[in-house]
Amino acid sequence: MANSLSAKKRIRQNEKRRMRNRTRKSAVRTQIKKYLEMTRQSKDIEAVENELRITQKKIDQLAATGVIHKNNAAHKKSQLARHLSDIKARIQ
């Protein structure tokens, strides 16, 4: 256990940030699942593309705040875009 006041404060801050980051990550994971489910069920490509934009924006926000690394965010966005591209290729 920490002895100094500053160390105790740092522990409190870290816990708050951990919980905030955990909530944000969970929200993005839910958004990704929503997007993937939409790609499986929806026949409307425009709606799916709009959902992809929303999902990518949320991933970018995570990277901007430092919750995830920028390369991790780029990788996730690329995977989602590739998924949509594969679907479009199968339709045409």
PDB file of N, CA and C in Angstrom:
ATOM      1  N   MET A   1       0.839  -1.185   0.000  1.00  0.00           N
ATOM      2  CA  MET A   1       0.000   0.000   0.000  1.00  0.00           C
ATOM      3  C   MET A   1       0.881   1.245   0.000  1.00  0.00           C
ATOM      4  N   ALA A   2       0.383   2.254  -0.679  1.00  0.00           N
ATOM      5  CA  ALA A   2       1.142   3.496  -0.798  1.00  0.00           C
ATOM      6  C   ALA A   2       1.181   4.244   0.530  1.00  0.00           C
ATOM      7  N   ASN A   3       2.295   4.913   0.780  1.00  0.00           N
ATOM      8  CA  ASN A   3       2.455   5.676   2.015  1.00  0.00           C
ATOM      9  C   ASN A   3       2.255   7.172   1.819  1.00  0.00           C
ATOM     10  N   SER A   4       2.783   7.716   0.748  1.00  0.00           N
ATOM     11  CA  SER A   4       2.709   9.166   0.552  1.00  0.00           C
ATOM     12  C   SER A   4       1.330   9.571   0.027  1.00  0.00           C
ATOM     13  N   LEU A   5       0.980  10.807   0.274  1.00  0.00           N
ATOM     14  CA  LEU A   5      -0.306  11.321  -0.185  1.00  0.00           C
ATOM     15  C   LEU A   5      -0.392  11.325  -1.706  1.00  0.00           C
ATOM     16  N   SER A   6       0.708  11.688  -2.339  1.00  0.00           N
ATOM     17  CA  SER A   6       0.704  11.749  -3.800  1.00  0.00           C
ATOM     18  C   SER A   6       0.525  10.355  -4.405  1.00  0.00           C
ATOM     19  N   ALA A   7       1.106   9.342  -3.785  1.00  0.00           N
ATOM     20  CA  ALA A   7       0.949   7.975  -4.285  1.00  0.00           C
ATOM     21  C   ALA A   7      -0.494   7.500  -4.100  1.00  0.00           C
ATOM     22  N   LYS A   8      -1.096   7.878  -2.981  1.00  0.00           N
ATOM     23  CA  LYS A   8      -2.498   7.513  -2.752  1.00  0.00           C
ATOM     24  C   LYS A   8      -3.413   8.195  -3.757  1.00  0.00           C
ATOM     25  N   LYS A   9      -3.113   9.455  -4.033  1.00  0.00           N
ATOM     26  CA  LYS A   9      -3.897  10.192  -5.030  1.00  0.00           C
ATOM     27  C   LYS A   9      -3.736   9.549  -6.408  1.00  0.00           C
ATOM     28  N   ARG A  10      -2.524   9.172  -6.735  1.00  0.00           N
ATOM     29  CA  ARG A  10      -2.256   8.534  -8.026  1.00  0.00           C
ATOM     30  C   ARG A  10      -3.050   7.233  -8.156  1.00  0.00           C
ATOM     31  N   ILE A  11      -3.150   6.473  -7.093  1.00  0.00           N
ATOM     32  CA  ILE A  11      -3.940   5.234  -7.108  1.00  0.00           C
ATOM     33  C   ILE A  11      -5.407   5.538  -7.387  1.00  0.00           C
ATOM     34  N   ARG A  12      -5.933   6.578  -6.736  1.00  0.00           N
ATOM     35  CA  ARG A  12      -7.327   6.968  -6.966  1.00  0.00           C
ATOM     36  C   ARG A  12      -7.541   7.403  -8.418  1.00  0.00           C
ATOM     37  N   GLN A  13      -6.611   8.188  -8.931  1.00  0.00           N
ATOM     38  CA  GLN A  13      -6.733   8.670 -10.317  1.00  0.00           C
ATOM     39  C   GLN A  13      -6.690   7.510 -11.307  1.00  0.00           C
ATOM     40  N   ASN A  14      -5.745   6.592 -11.073  1.00  0.00           N
ATOM     41  CA  ASN A  14      -5.606   5.454 -11.979  1.00  0.00           C
ATOM     42  C   ASN A  14      -6.871   4.604 -12.003  1.00  0.00           C
ATOM     43  N   GLU A  15      -7.472   4.421 -10.848  1.00  0.00           N
ATOM     44  CA  GLU A  15      -8.701   3.624 -10.783  1.00  0.00           C
ATOM     45  C   GLU A  15      -9.840   4.294 -11.547  1.00  0.00           C
ATOM     46  N   LYS A  16      -9.975   5.618 -11.397  1.00  0.00           N
ATOM     47  CA  LYS A  16     -11.007   6.344 -12.135  1.00  0.00           C
ATOM     48  C   LYS A  16     -10.787   6.215 -13.641  1.00  0.00           C
ATOM     49  N   ARG A  17      -9.548   6.395 -14.051  1.00  0.00           N
ATOM     50  CA  ARG A  17      -9.236   6.325 -15.478  1.00  0.00           C
ATOM     51  C   ARG A  17      -9.443   4.920 -16.025  1.00  0.00           C
ATOM     52  N   ARG A  18      -9.080   3.920 -15.222  1.00  0.00           N
ATOM     53  CA  ARG A  18      -9.251   2.534 -15.658  1.00  0.00           C
ATOM     54  C   ARG A  18     -10.731   2.232 -15.897  1.00  0.00           C
ATOM     55  N   MET A  19     -11.574   2.672 -14.992  1.00  0.00           N
ATOM     56  CA  MET A  19     -13.009   2.424 -15.148  1.00  0.00           C
ATOM     57  C   MET A  19     -13.577   3.178 -16.348  1.00  0.00           C
ATOM     58  N   ARG A  20     -13.119   4.412 -16.549  1.00  0.00           N
ATOM     59  CA  ARG A  20     -13.585   5.196 -17.692  1.00  0.00           C
ATOM     60  C   ARG A  20     -13.153   4.543 -19.003  1.00  0.00           C
ATOM     61  N   ASN A  21     -11.893   4.120 -19.076  1.00  0.00           N
ATOM     62  CA  ASN A  21     -11.396   3.478 -20.280  1.00  0.00           C
ATOM     63  C   ASN A  21     -12.109   2.158 -20.540  1.00  0.00           C
ATOM     64  N   ARG A  22     -12.379   1.428 -19.466  1.00  0.00           N
ATOM     65  CA  ARG A  22     -13.063   0.148 -19.596  1.00  0.00           C
ATOM     66  C   ARG A  22     -14.457   0.345 -20.193  1.00  0.00           C
ATOM     67  N   THR A  23     -15.155   1.373 -19.739  1.00  0.00           N
ATOM     68  CA  THR A  23     -16.489   1.682 -20.261  1.00  0.00           C
ATOM     69  C   THR A  23     -16.419   2.047 -21.736  1.00  0.00           C
ATOM     70  N   ARG A  24     -15.451   2.866 -22.090  1.00  0.00           N
ATOM     71  CA  ARG A  24     -15.319   3.292 -23.488  1.00  0.00           C
ATOM     72  C   ARG A  24     -14.976   2.125 -24.400  1.00  0.00           C
ATOM     73  N   LYS A  25     -14.065   1.264 -23.962  1.00  0.00           N
ATOM     74  CA  LYS A  25     -13.703   0.091 -24.762  1.00  0.00           C
ATOM     75  C   LYS A  25     -14.906  -0.815 -24.961  1.00  0.00           C
ATOM     76  N   SER A  26     -15.675  -0.991 -23.911  1.00  0.00           N
ATOM     77  CA  SER A  26     -16.857  -1.834 -23.986  1.00  0.00           C
ATOM     78  C   SER A  26     -17.867  -1.266 -24.984  1.00  0.00           C
ATOM     79  N   ALA A  27     -18.048   0.041 -24.963  1.00  0.00           N
ATOM     80  CA  ALA A  27     -18.985   0.684 -25.893  1.00  0.00           C
ATOM     81  C   ALA A  27     -18.547   0.478 -27.342  1.00  0.00           C
ATOM     82  N   VAL A  28     -17.245   0.557 -27.593  1.00  0.00           N
ATOM     83  CA  VAL A  28     -16.742   0.364 -28.958  1.00  0.00           C
ATOM     84  C   VAL A  28     -16.890  -1.092 -29.379  1.00  0.00           C
ATOM     85  N   ARG A  29     -16.618  -2.018 -28.468  1.00  0.00           N
ATOM     86  CA  ARG A  29     -16.801  -3.435 -28.797  1.00  0.00           C
ATOM     87  C   ARG A  29     -18.263  -3.720 -29.132  1.00  0.00           C
ATOM     88  N   THR A  30     -19.172  -3.103 -28.398  1.00  0.00           N
ATOM     89  CA  THR A  30     -20.600  -3.257 -28.680  1.00  0.00           C
ATOM     90  C   THR A  30     -20.935  -2.675 -30.050  1.00  0.00           C
ATOM     91  N   GLN A  31     -20.371  -1.522 -30.374  1.00  0.00           N
ATOM     92  CA  GLN A  31     -20.609  -0.891 -31.672  1.00  0.00           C
ATOM     93  C   GLN A  31     -20.093  -1.777 -32.803  1.00  0.00           C
ATOM     94  N   ILE A  32     -18.928  -2.401 -32.612  1.00  0.00           N
ATOM     95  CA  ILE A  32     -18.371  -3.295 -33.632  1.00  0.00           C
ATOM     96  C   ILE A  32     -19.287  -4.491 -33.835  1.00  0.00           C
ATOM     97  N   LYS A  33     -19.792  -5.061 -32.743  1.00  0.00           N
ATOM     98  CA  LYS A  33     -20.713  -6.200 -32.853  1.00  0.00           C
ATOM     99  C   LYS A  33     -21.989  -5.795 -33.581  1.00  0.00           C
ATOM    100  N   LYS A  34     -22.479  -4.601 -33.293  1.00  0.00           N
ATOM    101  CA  LYS A  34     -23.680  -4.089 -33.957  1.00  0.00           C
ATOM    102  C   LYS A  34     -23.431  -3.970 -35.464  1.00  0.00           C
ATOM    103  N   TYR A  35     -22.274  -3.428 -35.821  1.00  0.00           N
ATOM    104  CA  TYR A  35     -21.921  -3.280 -37.240  1.00  0.00           C
ATOM    105  C   TYR A  35     -21.834  -4.645 -37.923  1.00  0.00           C
ATOM    106  N   LEU A  36     -21.154  -5.602 -37.286  1.00  0.00           N
ATOM    107  CA  LEU A  36     -21.005  -6.932 -37.887  1.00  0.00           C
ATOM    108  C   LEU A  36     -22.352  -7.631 -38.034  1.00  0.00           C
ATOM    109  N   GLU A  37     -23.209  -7.475 -37.052  1.00  0.00           N
ATOM    110  CA  GLU A  37     -24.547  -8.065 -37.138  1.00  0.00           C
ATOM    111  C   GLU A  37     -25.331  -7.426 -38.279  1.00  0.00           C
ATOM    112  N   MET A  38     -25.169  -6.123 -38.438  1.00  0.00           N
ATOM    113  CA  MET A  38     -25.863  -5.425 -39.514  1.00  0.00           C
ATOM    114  C   MET A  38     -25.378  -5.913 -40.879  1.00  0.00           C
ATOM    115  N   THR A  39     -24.084  -6.187 -41.004  1.00  0.00           N
ATOM    116  CA  THR A  39     -23.560  -6.660 -42.287  1.00  0.00           C
ATOM    117  C   THR A  39     -24.108  -8.048 -42.616  1.00  0.00           C
ATOM    118  N   ARG A  40     -24.400  -8.844 -41.599  1.00  0.00           N
ATOM    119  CA  ARG A  40     -24.941 -10.189 -41.842  1.00  0.00           C
ATOM    120  C   ARG A  40     -26.402 -10.145 -42.249  1.00  0.00           C
ATOM    121  N   GLN A  41     -27.158  -9.201 -41.691  1.00  0.00           N
ATOM    122  CA  GLN A  41     -28.604  -9.214 -41.890  1.00  0.00           C
ATOM    123  C   GLN A  41     -29.102  -8.220 -42.933  1.00  0.00           C
ATOM    124  N   SER A  42     -28.501  -7.058 -43.007  1.00  0.00           N
ATOM    125  CA  SER A  42     -29.024  -5.997 -43.848  1.00  0.00           C
ATOM    126  C   SER A  42     -28.620  -6.181 -45.310  1.00  0.00           C
ATOM    127  N   LYS A  43     -29.546  -5.845 -46.164  1.00  0.00           N
ATOM    128  CA  LYS A  43     -29.269  -5.849 -47.607  1.00  0.00           C
ATOM    129  C   LYS A  43     -29.001  -4.435 -48.118  1.00  0.00           C
ATOM    130  N   ASP A  44     -29.191  -3.450 -47.259  1.00  0.00           N
ATOM    131  CA  ASP A  44     -29.003  -2.050 -47.614  1.00  0.00           C
ATOM    132  C   ASP A  44     -27.537  -1.660 -47.382  1.00  0.00           C
ATOM    133  N   ILE A  45     -26.786  -1.554 -48.459  1.00  0.00           N
ATOM    134  CA  ILE A  45     -25.352  -1.263 -48.364  1.00  0.00           C
ATOM    135  C   ILE A  45     -25.114   0.136 -47.805  1.00  0.00           C
ATOM    136  N   GLU A  46     -25.970   1.093 -48.148  1.00  0.00           N
ATOM    137  CA  GLU A  46     -25.779   2.463 -47.650  1.00  0.00           C
ATOM    138  C   GLU A  46     -25.872   2.523 -46.128  1.00  0.00           C
ATOM    139  N   ALA A  47     -26.830   1.797 -45.570  1.00  0.00           N
ATOM    140  CA  ALA A  47     -26.984   1.780 -44.107  1.00  0.00           C
ATOM    141  C   ALA A  47     -25.769   1.132 -43.450  1.00  0.00           C
ATOM    142  N   VAL A  48     -25.260   0.093 -44.069  1.00  0.00           N
ATOM    143  CA  VAL A  48     -24.077  -0.594 -43.536  1.00  0.00           C
ATOM    144  C   VAL A  48     -22.861   0.321 -43.605  1.00  0.00           C
ATOM    145  N   GLU A  49     -22.708   1.047 -44.720  1.00  0.00           N
ATOM    146  CA  GLU A  49     -21.584   1.980 -44.856  1.00  0.00           C
ATOM    147  C   GLU A  49     -21.673   3.096 -43.811  1.00  0.00           C
ATOM    148  N   ASN A  50     -22.881   3.568 -43.542  1.00  0.00           N
ATOM    149  CA  ASN A  50     -23.072   4.600 -42.526  1.00  0.00           C
ATOM    150  C   ASN A  50     -22.686   4.063 -41.147  1.00  0.00           C
ATOM    151  N   GLU A  51     -23.067   2.833 -40.865  1.00  0.00           N
ATOM    152  CA  GLU A  51     -22.718   2.202 -39.587  1.00  0.00           C
ATOM    153  C   GLU A  51     -21.198   2.027 -39.478  1.00  0.00           C
ATOM    154  N   LEU A  52     -20.548   1.735 -40.609  1.00  0.00           N
ATOM    155  CA  LEU A  52     -19.089   1.613 -40.620  1.00  0.00           C
ATOM    156  C   LEU A  52     -18.439   2.954 -40.269  1.00  0.00           C
ATOM    157  N   ARG A  53     -18.946   4.042 -40.829  1.00  0.00           N
ATOM    158  CA  ARG A  53     -18.410   5.369 -40.524  1.00  0.00           C
ATOM    159  C   ARG A  53     -18.547   5.692 -39.031  1.00  0.00           C
ATOM    160  N   ILE A  54     -19.690   5.366 -38.475  1.00  0.00           N
ATOM    161  CA  ILE A  54     -19.916   5.610 -37.041  1.00  0.00           C
ATOM    162  C   ILE A  54     -18.936   4.797 -36.206  1.00  0.00           C
ATOM    163  N   THR A  55     -18.770   3.544 -36.571  1.00  0.00           N
ATOM    164  CA  THR A  55     -17.870   2.655 -35.834  1.00  0.00           C
ATOM    165  C   THR A  55     -16.429   3.141 -35.936  1.00  0.00           C
ATOM    166  N   GLN A  56     -16.010   3.518 -37.124  1.00  0.00           N
ATOM    167  CA  GLN A  56     -14.643   4.006 -37.300  1.00  0.00           C
ATOM    168  C   GLN A  56     -14.408   5.294 -36.517  1.00  0.00           C
ATOM    169  N   LYS A  57     -15.412   6.148 -36.451  1.00  0.00           N
ATOM    170  CA  LYS A  57     -15.279   7.389 -35.688  1.00  0.00           C
ATOM    171  C   LYS A  57     -15.066   7.082 -34.212  1.00  0.00           C
ATOM    172  N   LYS A  58     -15.823   6.129 -33.681  1.00  0.00           N
ATOM    173  CA  LYS A  58     -15.673   5.768 -32.273  1.00  0.00           C
ATOM    174  C   LYS A  58     -14.297   5.165 -32.006  1.00  0.00           C
ATOM    175  N   ILE A  59     -13.801   4.378 -32.923  1.00  0.00           N
ATOM    176  CA  ILE A  59     -12.464   3.791 -32.770  1.00  0.00           C
ATOM    177  C   ILE A  59     -11.414   4.897 -32.785  1.00  0.00           C
ATOM    178  N   ASP A  60     -11.581   5.864 -33.683  1.00  0.00           N
ATOM    179  CA  ASP A  60     -10.656   7.003 -33.736  1.00  0.00           C
ATOM    180  C   ASP A  60     -10.659   7.794 -32.427  1.00  0.00           C
ATOM    181  N   GLN A  61     -11.826   7.948 -31.833  1.00  0.00           N
ATOM    182  CA  GLN A  61     -11.915   8.672 -30.570  1.00  0.00           C
ATOM    183  C   GLN A  61     -11.167   7.944 -29.462  1.00  0.00           C
ATOM    184  N   LEU A  62     -11.239   6.614 -29.463  1.00  0.00           N
ATOM    185  CA  LEU A  62     -10.477   5.845 -28.478  1.00  0.00           C
ATOM    186  C   LEU A  62      -8.985   6.064 -28.655  1.00  0.00           C
ATOM    187  N   ALA A  63      -8.546   6.059 -29.903  1.00  0.00           N
ATOM    188  CA  ALA A  63      -7.118   6.237 -30.176  1.00  0.00           C
ATOM    189  C   ALA A  63      -6.673   7.655 -29.825  1.00  0.00           C
ATOM    190  N   ALA A  64      -7.520   8.625 -30.070  1.00  0.00           N
ATOM    191  CA  ALA A  64      -7.162  10.015 -29.789  1.00  0.00           C
ATOM    192  C   ALA A  64      -6.987  10.266 -28.294  1.00  0.00           C
ATOM    193  N   THR A  65      -7.771   9.580 -27.478  1.00  0.00           N
ATOM    194  CA  THR A  65      -7.666   9.761 -26.038  1.00  0.00           C
ATOM    195  C   THR A  65      -6.627   8.843 -25.408  1.00  0.00           C
ATOM    196  N   GLY A  66      -6.039   7.978 -26.211  1.00  0.00           N
ATOM    197  CA  GLY A  66      -4.979   7.119 -25.697  1.00  0.00           C
ATOM    198  C   GLY A  66      -5.468   5.842 -25.048  1.00  0.00           C
ATOM    199  N   VAL A  67      -6.736   5.523 -25.200  1.00  0.00           N
ATOM    200  CA  VAL A  67      -7.276   4.294 -24.615  1.00  0.00           C
ATOM    201  C   VAL A  67      -6.713   3.084 -25.345  1.00  0.00           C
ATOM    202  N   ILE A  68      -6.618   3.185 -26.671  1.00  0.00           N
ATOM    203  CA  ILE A  68      -5.952   2.142 -27.460  1.00  0.00           C
ATOM    204  C   ILE A  68      -4.875   2.811 -28.303  1.00  0.00           C
ATOM    205  N   HIS A  69      -3.931   2.021 -28.752  1.00  0.00           N
ATOM    206  CA  HIS A  69      -2.839   2.546 -29.567  1.00  0.00           C
ATOM    207  C   HIS A  69      -3.357   2.894 -30.960  1.00  0.00           C
ATOM    208  N   LYS A  70      -2.742   3.880 -31.589  1.00  0.00           N
ATOM    209  CA  LYS A  70      -3.220   4.329 -32.907  1.00  0.00           C
ATOM    210  C   LYS A  70      -3.080   3.236 -33.960  1.00  0.00           C
ATOM    211  N   ASN A  71      -2.055   2.402 -33.851  1.00  0.00           N
ATOM    212  CA  ASN A  71      -1.906   1.310 -34.812  1.00  0.00           C
ATOM    213  C   ASN A  71      -2.974   0.240 -34.602  1.00  0.00           C
ATOM    214  N   ASN A  72      -3.341   0.018 -33.359  1.00  0.00           N
ATOM    215  CA  ASN A  72      -4.421  -0.918 -33.051  1.00  0.00           C
ATOM    216  C   ASN A  72      -5.733  -0.401 -33.652  1.00  0.00           C
ATOM    217  N   ALA A  73      -5.969   0.888 -33.529  1.00  0.00           N
ATOM    218  CA  ALA A  73      -7.170   1.496 -34.096  1.00  0.00           C
ATOM    219  C   ALA A  73      -7.170   1.366 -35.617  1.00  0.00           C
ATOM    220  N   ALA A  74      -6.038   1.616 -36.234  1.00  0.00           N
ATOM    221  CA  ALA A  74      -5.934   1.502 -37.692  1.00  0.00           C
ATOM    222  C   ALA A  74      -6.200   0.067 -38.144  1.00  0.00           C
ATOM    223  N   HIS A  75      -5.692  -0.884 -37.384  1.00  0.00           N
ATOM    224  CA  HIS A  75      -5.889  -2.297 -37.703  1.00  0.00           C
ATOM    225  C   HIS A  75      -7.367  -2.673 -37.613  1.00  0.00           C
ATOM    226  N   LYS A  76      -8.036  -2.247 -36.567  1.00  0.00           N
ATOM    227  CA  LYS A  76      -9.466  -2.535 -36.401  1.00  0.00           C
ATOM    228  C   LYS A  76     -10.286  -1.911 -37.530  1.00  0.00           C
ATOM    229  N   LYS A  77      -9.988  -0.659 -37.860  1.00  0.00           N
ATOM    230  CA  LYS A  77     -10.716   0.019 -38.924  1.00  0.00           C
ATOM    231  C   LYS A  77     -10.502  -0.674 -40.265  1.00  0.00           C
ATOM    232  N   SER A  78      -9.281  -1.104 -40.504  1.00  0.00           N
ATOM    233  CA  SER A  78      -8.968  -1.803 -41.746  1.00  0.00           C
ATOM    234  C   SER A  78      -9.723  -3.121 -41.844  1.00  0.00           C
ATOM    235  N   GLN A  79      -9.780  -3.855 -40.745  1.00  0.00           N
ATOM    236  CA  GLN A  79     -10.511  -5.125 -40.730  1.00  0.00           C
ATOM    237  C   GLN A  79     -11.981  -4.916 -41.055  1.00  0.00           C
ATOM    238  N   LEU A  80     -12.587  -3.901 -40.458  1.00  0.00           N
ATOM    239  CA  LEU A  80     -14.002  -3.637 -40.682  1.00  0.00           C
ATOM    240  C   LEU A  80     -14.266  -3.208 -42.128  1.00  0.00           C
ATOM    241  N   ALA A  81     -13.380  -2.386 -42.667  1.00  0.00           N
ATOM    242  CA  ALA A  81     -13.532  -1.946 -44.061  1.00  0.00           C
ATOM    243  C   ALA A  81     -13.357  -3.119 -45.018  1.00  0.00           C
ATOM    244  N   ARG A  82     -12.413  -3.997 -44.711  1.00  0.00           N
ATOM    245  CA  ARG A  82     -12.180  -5.176 -45.548  1.00  0.00           C
ATOM    246  C   ARG A  82     -13.400  -6.089 -45.517  1.00  0.00           C
ATOM    247  N   HIS A  83     -14.017  -6.195 -44.361  1.00  0.00           N
ATOM    248  CA  HIS A  83     -15.218  -7.009 -44.215  1.00  0.00           C
ATOM    249  C   HIS A  83     -16.325  -6.488 -45.135  1.00  0.00           C
ATOM    250  N   LEU A  84     -16.530  -5.188 -45.150  1.00  0.00           N
ATOM    251  CA  LEU A  84     -17.541  -4.591 -46.020  1.00  0.00           C
ATOM    252  C   LEU A  84     -17.182  -4.776 -47.490  1.00  0.00           C
ATOM    253  N   SER A  85     -15.919  -4.641 -47.807  1.00  0.00           N
ATOM    254  CA  SER A  85     -15.463  -4.823 -49.183  1.00  0.00           C
ATOM    255  C   SER A  85     -15.735  -6.245 -49.668  1.00  0.00           C
ATOM    256  N   ASP A  86     -15.506  -7.220 -48.817  1.00  0.00           N
ATOM    257  CA  ASP A  86     -15.781  -8.615 -49.172  1.00  0.00           C
ATOM    258  C   ASP A  86     -17.264  -8.841 -49.430  1.00  0.00           C
ATOM    259  N   ILE A  87     -18.088  -8.213 -48.622  1.00  0.00           N
ATOM    260  CA  ILE A  87     -19.532  -8.339 -48.806  1.00  0.00           C
ATOM    261  C   ILE A  87     -19.968  -7.732 -50.130  1.00  0.00           C
ATOM    262  N   LYS A  88     -19.433  -6.559 -50.429  1.00  0.00           N
ATOM    263  CA  LYS A  88     -19.769  -5.902 -51.710  1.00  0.00           C
ATOM    264  C   LYS A  88     -19.341  -6.762 -52.890  1.00  0.00           C
ATOM    265  N   ALA A  89     -18.171  -7.397 -52.798  1.00  0.00           N
ATOM    266  CA  ALA A  89     -17.670  -8.238 -53.884  1.00  0.00           C
ATOM    267  C   ALA A  89     -18.571  -9.450 -54.091  1.00  0.00           C
ATOM    268  N   ARG A  90     -19.080 -10.014 -53.010  1.00  0.00           N
ATOM    269  CA  ARG A  90     -19.956 -11.177 -53.117  1.00  0.00           C
ATOM    270  C   ARG A  90     -21.305 -10.818 -53.744  1.00  0.00           C
ATOM    271  N   ILE A  91     -21.778  -9.603 -53.455  1.00  0.00           N
ATOM    272  CA  ILE A  91     -23.080  -9.175 -53.998  1.00  0.00           C
ATOM    273  C   ILE A  91     -22.998  -8.946 -55.500  1.00  0.00           C
ATOM    274  N   GLN A  92     -21.897  -8.366 -55.955  1.00  0.00           N
ATOM    275  CA  GLN A  92     -21.777  -8.016 -57.383  1.00  0.00           C
ATOM    276  C   GLN A  92     -21.327  -9.177 -58.217  1.00  0.00           C
TER     277      GLN A  92
END
